[in-house]
Amino acid sequence: MVTVVKKAKRKPVMSDVELRLALDSPALTVREAALYAHVPPNRIRDLITAGDLGFQQQGKRFLVLRADIEALLANGWRRNPKGK
């Protein structure tokens, strides 16, 4: 007997409208910053923990400035810390 397994459709992390609205804001959530920088959210959290990325806490959410992400990228920040 052959069992057919259907793949669940994954919902997009953010819709195009949400992303455009987020990118108009100077402050981004960790998830938005990760999408902007094309890295996993844990990489943004690691940068915050290491003190390499400033943040403000708003309730349970951590907000980072888009300008800080852009500065990291402009200064040659490697998206993958292991260089792979």
N, C-alpha and C. Protein backbone atom coordinates (compact mmCIF):
# COMPACT_ATOMS: atom_id res chain seq x y z
N MET A 1 0.84 -1.17 0.00
CA MET A 1 0.00 0.00 0.00
C MET A 1 0.89 1.25 0.00
N VAL A 2 0.51 2.22 -0.82
CA VAL A 2 1.26 3.46 -0.94
C VAL A 2 0.50 4.55 -0.20
N THR A 3 1.21 5.23 0.67
CA THR A 3 0.61 6.33 1.42
C THR A 3 1.06 7.64 0.79
N VAL A 4 0.11 8.47 0.48
CA VAL A 4 0.42 9.77 -0.11
C VAL A 4 0.42 10.81 1.00
N VAL A 5 1.52 11.51 1.10
CA VAL A 5 1.64 12.55 2.13
C VAL A 5 1.57 13.90 1.42
N LYS A 6 0.62 14.69 1.82
CA LYS A 6 0.49 16.03 1.23
C LYS A 6 1.33 17.00 2.03
N LYS A 7 2.04 17.83 1.32
CA LYS A 7 2.80 18.88 1.97
C LYS A 7 1.87 20.01 2.37
N ALA A 8 2.01 20.45 3.57
CA ALA A 8 1.19 21.59 4.03
C ALA A 8 1.71 22.85 3.35
N LYS A 9 0.80 23.67 2.90
CA LYS A 9 1.20 24.93 2.30
C LYS A 9 1.67 25.87 3.40
N ARG A 10 2.85 26.43 3.20
CA ARG A 10 3.38 27.36 4.19
C ARG A 10 2.87 28.75 3.92
N LYS A 11 2.43 29.37 4.96
CA LYS A 11 1.95 30.74 4.88
C LYS A 11 3.17 31.65 4.79
N PRO A 12 3.14 32.68 3.96
CA PRO A 12 4.27 33.59 3.90
C PRO A 12 4.52 34.22 5.27
N VAL A 13 5.78 34.47 5.57
CA VAL A 13 6.13 35.06 6.86
C VAL A 13 5.47 36.43 7.00
N MET A 14 5.54 37.23 5.95
CA MET A 14 4.88 38.53 5.93
C MET A 14 4.34 38.75 4.54
N SER A 15 3.21 39.38 4.47
CA SER A 15 2.67 39.72 3.16
C SER A 15 3.47 40.89 2.60
N ASP A 16 3.34 41.11 1.31
CA ASP A 16 4.02 42.24 0.68
C ASP A 16 3.61 43.56 1.31
N VAL A 17 2.33 43.68 1.63
CA VAL A 17 1.83 44.92 2.23
C VAL A 17 2.45 45.13 3.61
N GLU A 18 2.49 44.07 4.43
CA GLU A 18 3.09 44.17 5.76
C GLU A 18 4.56 44.55 5.66
N LEU A 19 5.26 43.94 4.72
CA LEU A 19 6.68 44.23 4.57
C LEU A 19 6.91 45.67 4.14
N ARG A 20 6.11 46.16 3.19
CA ARG A 20 6.25 47.54 2.76
C ARG A 20 5.97 48.51 3.90
N LEU A 21 4.94 48.22 4.71
CA LEU A 21 4.63 49.08 5.85
C LEU A 21 5.76 49.05 6.87
N ALA A 22 6.30 47.86 7.12
CA ALA A 22 7.38 47.73 8.08
C ALA A 22 8.62 48.48 7.61
N LEU A 23 8.90 48.43 6.32
CA LEU A 23 10.09 49.08 5.81
C LEU A 23 9.95 50.59 5.76
N ASP A 24 8.73 51.11 5.86
CA ASP A 24 8.53 52.55 5.95
C ASP A 24 8.82 53.05 7.36
N SER A 25 8.83 52.16 8.32
CA SER A 25 9.06 52.52 9.71
C SER A 25 10.57 52.48 10.00
N PRO A 26 11.07 53.42 10.82
CA PRO A 26 12.49 53.38 11.15
C PRO A 26 12.85 52.24 12.10
N ALA A 27 11.86 51.73 12.85
CA ALA A 27 12.11 50.64 13.79
C ALA A 27 11.50 49.35 13.24
N LEU A 28 12.25 48.26 13.33
CA LEU A 28 11.81 46.97 12.84
C LEU A 28 11.81 45.96 13.97
N THR A 29 10.87 45.03 13.93
CA THR A 29 10.91 43.91 14.87
C THR A 29 12.05 43.00 14.45
N VAL A 30 12.38 42.04 15.31
CA VAL A 30 13.44 41.09 14.99
C VAL A 30 13.11 40.35 13.69
N ARG A 31 11.88 39.94 13.53
CA ARG A 31 11.48 39.21 12.33
C ARG A 31 11.59 40.09 11.09
N GLU A 32 11.14 41.34 11.19
CA GLU A 32 11.23 42.26 10.07
C GLU A 32 12.69 42.56 9.72
N ALA A 33 13.52 42.75 10.74
CA ALA A 33 14.94 43.01 10.52
C ALA A 33 15.60 41.82 9.83
N ALA A 34 15.22 40.62 10.23
CA ALA A 34 15.78 39.42 9.62
C ALA A 34 15.39 39.32 8.15
N LEU A 35 14.14 39.62 7.85
CA LEU A 35 13.70 39.61 6.45
C LEU A 35 14.45 40.67 5.65
N TYR A 36 14.62 41.82 6.22
CA TYR A 36 15.31 42.92 5.55
C TYR A 36 16.77 42.56 5.25
N ALA A 37 17.42 41.90 6.21
CA ALA A 37 18.84 41.56 6.06
C ALA A 37 19.06 40.18 5.43
N HIS A 38 17.97 39.46 5.16
CA HIS A 38 18.05 38.11 4.56
C HIS A 38 18.83 37.14 5.45
N VAL A 39 18.50 37.16 6.73
CA VAL A 39 19.11 36.24 7.69
C VAL A 39 18.01 35.64 8.56
N PRO A 40 18.30 34.55 9.27
CA PRO A 40 17.30 34.02 10.20
C PRO A 40 17.14 34.97 11.40
N PRO A 41 15.96 34.99 12.00
CA PRO A 41 15.75 35.86 13.17
C PRO A 41 16.74 35.60 14.30
N ASN A 42 17.19 34.35 14.45
CA ASN A 42 18.17 34.06 15.51
C ASN A 42 19.48 34.81 15.31
N ARG A 43 19.84 35.09 14.06
CA ARG A 43 21.07 35.86 13.79
C ARG A 43 20.91 37.28 14.32
N ILE A 44 19.75 37.87 14.15
CA ILE A 44 19.50 39.22 14.68
C ILE A 44 19.54 39.17 16.21
N ARG A 45 18.92 38.15 16.80
CA ARG A 45 18.95 38.01 18.27
C ARG A 45 20.38 37.84 18.77
N ASP A 46 21.20 37.08 18.03
CA ASP A 46 22.61 36.90 18.41
C ASP A 46 23.36 38.22 18.40
N LEU A 47 23.10 39.05 17.40
CA LEU A 47 23.75 40.36 17.33
C LEU A 47 23.33 41.25 18.49
N ILE A 48 22.07 41.17 18.86
CA ILE A 48 21.57 41.95 20.01
C ILE A 48 22.25 41.47 21.29
N THR A 49 22.28 40.15 21.48
CA THR A 49 22.89 39.57 22.68
C THR A 49 24.37 39.91 22.79
N ALA A 50 25.07 39.90 21.65
CA ALA A 50 26.51 40.20 21.64
C ALA A 50 26.79 41.69 21.82
N GLY A 51 25.75 42.53 21.74
CA GLY A 51 25.94 43.96 21.87
C GLY A 51 26.34 44.64 20.57
N ASP A 52 26.27 43.91 19.46
CA ASP A 52 26.65 44.46 18.16
C ASP A 52 25.50 45.21 17.49
N LEU A 53 24.31 45.06 18.03
CA LEU A 53 23.14 45.71 17.45
C LEU A 53 22.30 46.28 18.59
N GLY A 54 22.08 47.57 18.53
CA GLY A 54 21.26 48.22 19.56
C GLY A 54 19.79 47.86 19.40
N PHE A 55 19.05 48.00 20.47
CA PHE A 55 17.63 47.67 20.42
C PHE A 55 16.88 48.47 21.46
N GLN A 56 15.59 48.50 21.30
CA GLN A 56 14.68 49.03 22.32
C GLN A 56 13.65 47.95 22.56
N GLN A 57 13.28 47.78 23.80
CA GLN A 57 12.27 46.78 24.10
C GLN A 57 10.93 47.47 24.29
N GLN A 58 9.93 46.96 23.59
CA GLN A 58 8.57 47.49 23.68
C GLN A 58 7.68 46.32 24.09
N GLY A 59 7.43 46.23 25.38
CA GLY A 59 6.72 45.06 25.89
C GLY A 59 7.60 43.84 25.73
N LYS A 60 7.10 42.83 25.03
CA LYS A 60 7.89 41.63 24.77
C LYS A 60 8.69 41.72 23.48
N ARG A 61 8.42 42.75 22.69
CA ARG A 61 9.07 42.88 21.38
C ARG A 61 10.38 43.64 21.48
N PHE A 62 11.34 43.19 20.71
CA PHE A 62 12.60 43.90 20.58
C PHE A 62 12.56 44.64 19.24
N LEU A 63 12.87 45.92 19.25
CA LEU A 63 12.88 46.72 18.04
C LEU A 63 14.30 47.19 17.76
N VAL A 64 14.70 47.09 16.50
CA VAL A 64 16.01 47.58 16.08
C VAL A 64 15.79 48.63 15.01
N LEU A 65 16.72 49.55 14.92
CA LEU A 65 16.60 50.60 13.92
C LEU A 65 17.07 50.07 12.57
N ARG A 66 16.29 50.37 11.54
CA ARG A 66 16.65 49.95 10.19
C ARG A 66 18.01 50.55 9.82
N ALA A 67 18.27 51.77 10.26
CA ALA A 67 19.55 52.43 9.96
C ALA A 67 20.72 51.62 10.53
N ASP A 68 20.53 51.00 11.69
CA ASP A 68 21.59 50.17 12.28
C ASP A 68 21.84 48.92 11.44
N ILE A 69 20.77 48.31 10.93
CA ILE A 69 20.92 47.14 10.05
C ILE A 69 21.63 47.56 8.77
N GLU A 70 21.22 48.69 8.20
CA GLU A 70 21.85 49.18 6.97
C GLU A 70 23.33 49.49 7.20
N ALA A 71 23.67 50.04 8.37
CA ALA A 71 25.07 50.35 8.68
C ALA A 71 25.89 49.06 8.79
N LEU A 72 25.33 48.03 9.42
CA LEU A 72 26.04 46.75 9.49
C LEU A 72 26.29 46.18 8.10
N LEU A 73 25.28 46.22 7.25
CA LEU A 73 25.43 45.70 5.89
C LEU A 73 26.43 46.51 5.09
N ALA A 74 26.41 47.83 5.26
CA ALA A 74 27.33 48.71 4.53
C ALA A 74 28.77 48.52 4.98
N ASN A 75 28.97 48.12 6.23
CA ASN A 75 30.32 47.93 6.77
C ASN A 75 30.85 46.52 6.53
N GLY A 76 30.18 45.78 5.66
CA GLY A 76 30.69 44.46 5.30
C GLY A 76 30.31 43.36 6.27
N TRP A 77 29.24 43.57 7.03
CA TRP A 77 28.77 42.54 7.95
C TRP A 77 28.45 41.28 7.17
N ARG A 78 29.02 40.18 7.62
CA ARG A 78 28.76 38.91 6.95
C ARG A 78 27.46 38.35 7.45
N ARG A 79 26.62 37.96 6.53
CA ARG A 79 25.32 37.43 6.90
C ARG A 79 25.43 36.07 7.57
N ASN A 80 26.43 35.31 7.22
CA ASN A 80 26.63 34.00 7.83
C ASN A 80 27.91 34.08 8.67
N PRO A 81 27.81 33.97 10.00
CA PRO A 81 28.99 34.16 10.85
C PRO A 81 30.09 33.14 10.63
N LYS A 82 29.76 31.97 10.08
CA LYS A 82 30.76 30.92 9.86
C LYS A 82 31.39 31.05 8.49
N GLY A 83 30.92 31.99 7.68
CA GLY A 83 31.51 32.22 6.37
C GLY A 83 31.15 31.17 5.34
N LYS A 84 30.11 30.40 5.60
CA LYS A 84 29.74 29.35 4.66
C LYS A 84 28.85 29.91 3.58
